[in-house]
Amino acid sequence: MQTDQRFDPYRAFNFVVDIDNIAVASFSEVAGLTAEGDPVEYREGADAENHVRKLPGLRKYTNLTFKRGYTRDDTLWRWYTNIANGQNDRRSITITLLDEAHAPVMRWYAFGAFINKIEGPSFNATGNEVAIENMEVVHEKLTLELAG
């Protein structure tokens, strides 16, 4: 076994988000990159063993959540307004993890995405925090691709 090479894990703070291949915002946090399925239980009366079999069922994907500091950019609110007004404004989202040299190492793709919830900041006159906007996005499919 070769021991002279070291592979450190990537840092979670180097990432870029693109919505329909246009960098619309810089986000401070992205969460929800989760894919899972519901197992289907099945058993035949002639099965020799006394337990159910587990078969793969439908896949489902957790909603993505995004956080960013407020700026004068209202692109996300306009996208949400389109959805709220009944437009079918689905988009593709790419989340790219970068290495220490800011080169892409892997990408998550969310397809058929739209904003389901958008939340303005909480204000506190005695605080010193940045005004944060929260966005929750639903999507139909999530894939992972290694870059390079």
Protein backbone atom coordinates (compact mmCIF):
# COMPACT_ATOMS: atom_id res chain seq x y z
CA MET A 1 0.00 0.00 0.00
CA GLN A 2 1.37 3.38 -1.02
CA THR A 3 1.67 5.83 1.89
CA ASP A 4 3.59 8.73 0.36
CA GLN A 5 0.47 10.40 -1.11
CA ARG A 6 -1.92 12.32 1.09
CA PHE A 7 -5.47 13.20 0.09
CA ASP A 8 -7.00 15.81 2.35
CA PRO A 9 -10.77 16.34 2.26
CA TYR A 10 -12.10 19.41 0.50
CA ARG A 11 -13.16 22.45 2.50
CA ALA A 12 -16.88 23.25 2.65
CA PHE A 13 -16.43 27.01 2.19
CA ASN A 14 -15.19 26.93 -1.43
CA PHE A 15 -18.27 26.60 -3.62
CA VAL A 16 -20.13 28.36 -6.42
CA VAL A 17 -23.86 28.27 -7.26
CA ASP A 18 -25.14 28.78 -10.80
CA ILE A 19 -28.83 28.95 -11.71
CA ASP A 20 -29.40 28.15 -15.40
CA ASN A 21 -25.67 28.68 -16.01
CA ILE A 22 -25.83 32.29 -14.78
CA ALA A 23 -24.18 33.17 -11.47
CA VAL A 24 -27.10 35.11 -9.98
CA ALA A 25 -25.93 35.28 -6.41
CA SER A 26 -23.19 34.43 -3.99
CA PHE A 27 -24.46 32.24 -1.18
CA SER A 28 -22.98 31.84 2.28
CA GLU A 29 -24.64 28.47 2.85
CA VAL A 30 -26.21 25.65 0.83
CA ALA A 31 -27.82 22.60 2.41
CA GLY A 32 -30.01 19.68 1.41
CA LEU A 33 -27.90 17.76 -1.11
CA THR A 34 -29.72 14.56 -0.18
CA ALA A 35 -31.04 11.74 -2.36
CA GLU A 36 -32.96 8.80 -0.93
CA GLY A 37 -35.58 6.24 -1.77
CA ASP A 38 -38.50 4.43 -0.25
CA PRO A 39 -37.89 0.69 -0.13
CA VAL A 40 -40.72 -1.53 -1.30
CA GLU A 41 -41.37 -4.59 0.83
CA TYR A 42 -42.37 -7.72 -1.07
CA ARG A 43 -42.89 -11.35 -0.22
CA GLU A 44 -44.21 -14.34 -2.13
CA GLY A 45 -46.13 -17.08 -0.40
CA ALA A 46 -43.64 -19.69 -1.63
CA ASP A 47 -40.54 -17.87 -0.29
CA ALA A 48 -38.34 -20.29 1.66
CA GLU A 49 -37.20 -17.71 4.20
CA ASN A 50 -39.58 -16.09 6.64
CA HIS A 51 -38.87 -12.41 5.91
CA VAL A 52 -39.80 -9.77 3.38
CA ARG A 53 -37.59 -8.79 0.49
CA LYS A 54 -36.61 -5.16 0.01
CA LEU A 55 -36.86 -3.74 -3.50
CA PRO A 56 -35.76 -0.29 -4.61
CA GLY A 57 -38.70 2.10 -4.78
CA LEU A 58 -39.22 5.65 -5.93
CA ARG A 59 -36.36 8.10 -5.49
CA LYS A 60 -36.92 11.42 -3.73
CA TYR A 61 -34.80 14.48 -3.09
CA THR A 62 -34.69 16.82 -0.12
CA ASN A 63 -35.45 20.51 -0.68
CA LEU A 64 -32.35 22.65 -1.09
CA THR A 65 -31.87 25.63 1.21
CA PHE A 66 -29.75 28.63 0.32
CA LYS A 67 -28.66 31.57 2.47
CA ARG A 68 -27.06 34.79 1.35
CA GLY A 69 -26.46 38.30 2.59
CA TYR A 70 -28.89 40.88 1.25
CA THR A 71 -27.78 43.09 -1.63
CA ARG A 72 -29.72 45.22 -4.11
CA ASP A 73 -30.15 42.15 -6.38
CA ASP A 74 -33.83 41.08 -6.53
CA THR A 75 -33.35 38.23 -9.04
CA LEU A 76 -34.46 35.55 -6.59
CA TRP A 77 -37.58 37.48 -5.52
CA ARG A 78 -38.53 37.96 -9.19
CA TRP A 79 -38.10 34.21 -9.80
CA TYR A 80 -40.30 33.48 -6.76
CA THR A 81 -42.91 35.98 -8.02
CA ASN A 82 -43.03 34.18 -11.38
CA ILE A 83 -43.81 30.90 -9.60
CA ALA A 84 -46.36 32.55 -7.26
CA ASN A 85 -48.12 34.05 -10.30
CA GLY A 86 -48.52 30.63 -11.93
CA GLN A 87 -45.65 30.67 -14.41
CA ASN A 88 -43.85 27.37 -14.96
CA ASP A 89 -40.40 28.89 -14.30
CA ARG A 90 -38.34 25.80 -13.53
CA ARG A 91 -34.58 26.08 -13.70
CA SER A 92 -31.45 23.97 -13.34
CA ILE A 93 -29.09 24.63 -10.46
CA THR A 94 -25.42 23.67 -10.32
CA ILE A 95 -23.49 23.65 -7.05
CA THR A 96 -19.74 23.32 -7.66
CA LEU A 97 -17.27 22.40 -4.93
CA LEU A 98 -13.84 24.00 -5.43
CA ASP A 99 -10.42 22.93 -4.16
CA GLU A 100 -7.93 25.21 -2.40
CA ALA A 101 -6.78 26.60 -5.77
CA HIS A 102 -10.44 27.37 -6.64
CA ALA A 103 -10.53 24.70 -9.35
CA PRO A 104 -13.77 22.68 -9.68
CA VAL A 105 -13.61 19.18 -8.18
CA MET A 106 -17.24 18.05 -8.20
CA ARG A 107 -20.67 19.32 -9.18
CA TRP A 108 -24.20 18.61 -8.00
CA TYR A 109 -26.97 19.24 -10.52
CA ALA A 110 -30.58 19.85 -9.43
CA PHE A 111 -33.10 19.65 -12.28
CA GLY A 112 -36.61 21.06 -12.56
CA ALA A 113 -36.03 23.46 -9.66
CA PHE A 114 -38.22 26.29 -8.46
CA ILE A 115 -38.39 28.45 -5.34
CA ASN A 116 -41.01 27.14 -2.94
CA LYS A 117 -40.24 29.52 -0.06
CA ILE A 118 -38.26 32.74 0.25
CA GLU A 119 -37.68 34.46 3.56
CA GLY A 120 -36.49 37.95 4.33
CA PRO A 121 -34.08 38.82 7.13
CA SER A 122 -34.73 39.15 10.84
CA PHE A 123 -33.95 42.66 12.06
CA ASN A 124 -32.40 43.46 15.43
CA ALA A 125 -31.32 47.01 16.26
CA THR A 126 -28.87 45.82 18.92
CA GLY A 127 -27.19 43.21 16.71
CA ASN A 128 -24.18 43.32 14.42
CA GLU A 129 -25.17 40.59 11.96
CA VAL A 130 -25.53 40.68 8.20
CA ALA A 131 -29.13 40.73 6.88
CA ILE A 132 -29.63 37.18 5.54
CA GLU A 133 -32.09 36.02 2.88
CA ASN A 134 -33.23 32.37 2.99
CA MET A 135 -34.52 30.45 -0.02
CA GLU A 136 -35.97 26.95 -0.20
CA VAL A 137 -35.94 25.25 -3.59
CA VAL A 138 -37.73 22.06 -4.60
CA HIS A 139 -36.42 19.97 -7.47
CA GLU A 140 -37.09 16.69 -9.23
CA LYS A 141 -33.64 15.14 -9.59
CA LEU A 142 -30.15 15.43 -8.11
CA THR A 143 -26.97 14.09 -9.72
CA LEU A 144 -23.26 14.26 -8.88
CA GLU A 145 -20.40 14.59 -11.34
CA LEU A 146 -16.66 14.68 -10.72
CA ALA A 147 -15.00 17.62 -12.46
CA GLY A 148 -11.95 17.32 -14.62
